[in-house]
Structures are given as C-alpha cells and as structure tokens.
Amino acid sequence: MKGRDFNDRPACSYKTMPFPTEVTCPQCGAEIEIWSDEEETHCRLCGYVVFNHERYIN
C-alpha cells in the first residue's frame, strides 16, 4: 500500500475499548463486575459503592 505507515495504530485500537473486571465486594463478598470506563459501580446485593481505582486494592 502506497503512502501508509504501518507503524500507525488503527483508529479502533484494542486499548481504547472498555473491558469488564470482576472484583470482590469488600462489604459482603459478592462478585462485582466493573468496566474499565466506569468511575464506580454498586454491589447488587448490599449496595456498597466500589470505585474503579479501588479494584486494584481489593
């Protein structure tokens, strides 16, 4: 292909797509799914708010 730089990333990169992560609720122990593009989510059982930056701590 003429004029194309193969070092350029495509417009739709896998790093920009949100992905789910399972974390354990620190209050009740239930599994919570939080997406990488969410700031926070609530536990479906006890209502505890889990913040996305906390998922690495728990």
C-alpha atoms as a PDB file:
ATOM      1  CA  MET A   1       0.000   0.000   0.000  1.00  0.00           C
ATOM      2  CA  LYS A   2       1.449   3.299  -1.012  1.00  0.00           C
ATOM      3  CA  GLY A   3       1.662   6.123   1.488  1.00  0.00           C
ATOM      4  CA  ARG A   4       0.664   4.044   4.511  1.00  0.00           C
ATOM      5  CA  ASP A   5       2.883   3.951   7.563  1.00  0.00           C
ATOM      6  CA  PHE A   6       2.494   0.519   9.137  1.00  0.00           C
ATOM      7  CA  ASN A   7       3.715   1.855  12.496  1.00  0.00           C
ATOM      8  CA  ASP A   8       0.494   3.850  12.865  1.00  0.00           C
ATOM      9  CA  ARG A   9      -2.160   2.297  15.054  1.00  0.00           C
ATOM     10  CA  PRO A  10      -5.607   1.724  13.601  1.00  0.00           C
ATOM     11  CA  ALA A  11      -8.341   4.168  14.582  1.00  0.00           C
ATOM     12  CA  CYS A  12     -10.093   1.453  16.604  1.00  0.00           C
ATOM     13  CA  SER A  13      -7.408   0.206  18.931  1.00  0.00           C
ATOM     14  CA  TYR A  14      -7.994  -2.590  21.438  1.00  0.00           C
ATOM     15  CA  LYS A  15      -6.601  -0.346  24.180  1.00  0.00           C
ATOM     16  CA  THR A  16      -9.475   2.125  23.791  1.00  0.00           C
ATOM     17  CA  MET A  17     -12.228  -0.460  24.153  1.00  0.00           C
ATOM     18  CA  PRO A  18     -13.717  -0.866  27.647  1.00  0.00           C
ATOM     19  CA  PHE A  19     -13.354  -4.249  29.331  1.00  0.00           C
ATOM     20  CA  PRO A  20     -15.003  -5.824  32.404  1.00  0.00           C
ATOM     21  CA  THR A  21     -13.168  -6.829  35.568  1.00  0.00           C
ATOM     22  CA  GLU A  22     -14.541  -8.993  38.369  1.00  0.00           C
ATOM     23  CA  VAL A  23     -13.837  -7.728  41.903  1.00  0.00           C
ATOM     24  CA  THR A  24     -14.999  -8.914  45.306  1.00  0.00           C
ATOM     25  CA  CYS A  25     -17.226  -6.596  47.328  1.00  0.00           C
ATOM     26  CA  PRO A  26     -15.298  -5.691  50.491  1.00  0.00           C
ATOM     27  CA  GLN A  27     -18.536  -5.471  52.485  1.00  0.00           C
ATOM     28  CA  CYS A  28     -20.445  -8.668  51.608  1.00  0.00           C
ATOM     29  CA  GLY A  29     -18.028 -10.734  49.485  1.00  0.00           C
ATOM     30  CA  ALA A  30     -20.181 -10.844  46.335  1.00  0.00           C
ATOM     31  CA  GLU A  31     -18.545 -10.734  42.913  1.00  0.00           C
ATOM     32  CA  ILE A  32     -18.974  -7.337  41.214  1.00  0.00           C
ATOM     33  CA  GLU A  33     -18.359  -6.573  37.561  1.00  0.00           C
ATOM     34  CA  ILE A  34     -16.848  -3.151  36.879  1.00  0.00           C
ATOM     35  CA  TRP A  35     -15.990  -1.862  33.416  1.00  0.00           C
ATOM     36  CA  SER A  36     -12.738  -0.035  32.714  1.00  0.00           C
ATOM     37  CA  ASP A  37     -14.597   3.082  31.546  1.00  0.00           C
ATOM     38  CA  GLU A  38     -16.803   3.311  34.679  1.00  0.00           C
ATOM     39  CA  GLU A  39     -15.839   5.509  37.620  1.00  0.00           C
ATOM     40  CA  GLU A  40     -17.882   3.462  40.091  1.00  0.00           C
ATOM     41  CA  THR A  41     -20.424   0.669  40.385  1.00  0.00           C
ATOM     42  CA  HIS A  42     -22.744  -0.647  43.092  1.00  0.00           C
ATOM     43  CA  CYS A  43     -22.852  -4.121  44.598  1.00  0.00           C
ATOM     44  CA  ARG A  44     -26.101  -5.773  43.527  1.00  0.00           C
ATOM     45  CA  LEU A  45     -26.519  -7.442  46.936  1.00  0.00           C
ATOM     46  CA  CYS A  46     -25.615  -4.836  49.561  1.00  0.00           C
ATOM     47  CA  GLY A  47     -25.387  -1.593  47.569  1.00  0.00           C
ATOM     48  CA  TYR A  48     -21.756  -0.899  48.516  1.00  0.00           C
ATOM     49  CA  VAL A  49     -20.120   1.545  46.089  1.00  0.00           C
ATOM     50  CA  VAL A  50     -16.882   0.284  44.547  1.00  0.00           C
ATOM     51  CA  PHE A  51     -14.732   2.799  42.705  1.00  0.00           C
ATOM     52  CA  ASN A  52     -12.724   1.787  39.667  1.00  0.00           C
ATOM     53  CA  HIS A  53      -9.418   2.869  41.212  1.00  0.00           C
ATOM     54  CA  GLU A  54     -10.142   0.571  44.192  1.00  0.00           C
ATOM     55  CA  ARG A  55     -10.299  -2.582  42.078  1.00  0.00           C
ATOM     56  CA  TYR A  56      -6.510  -2.921  42.273  1.00  0.00           C
ATOM     57  CA  ILE A  57      -6.573  -2.692  46.088  1.00  0.00           C
ATOM     58  CA  ASN A  58      -9.246  -5.308  46.826  1.00  0.00           C
END
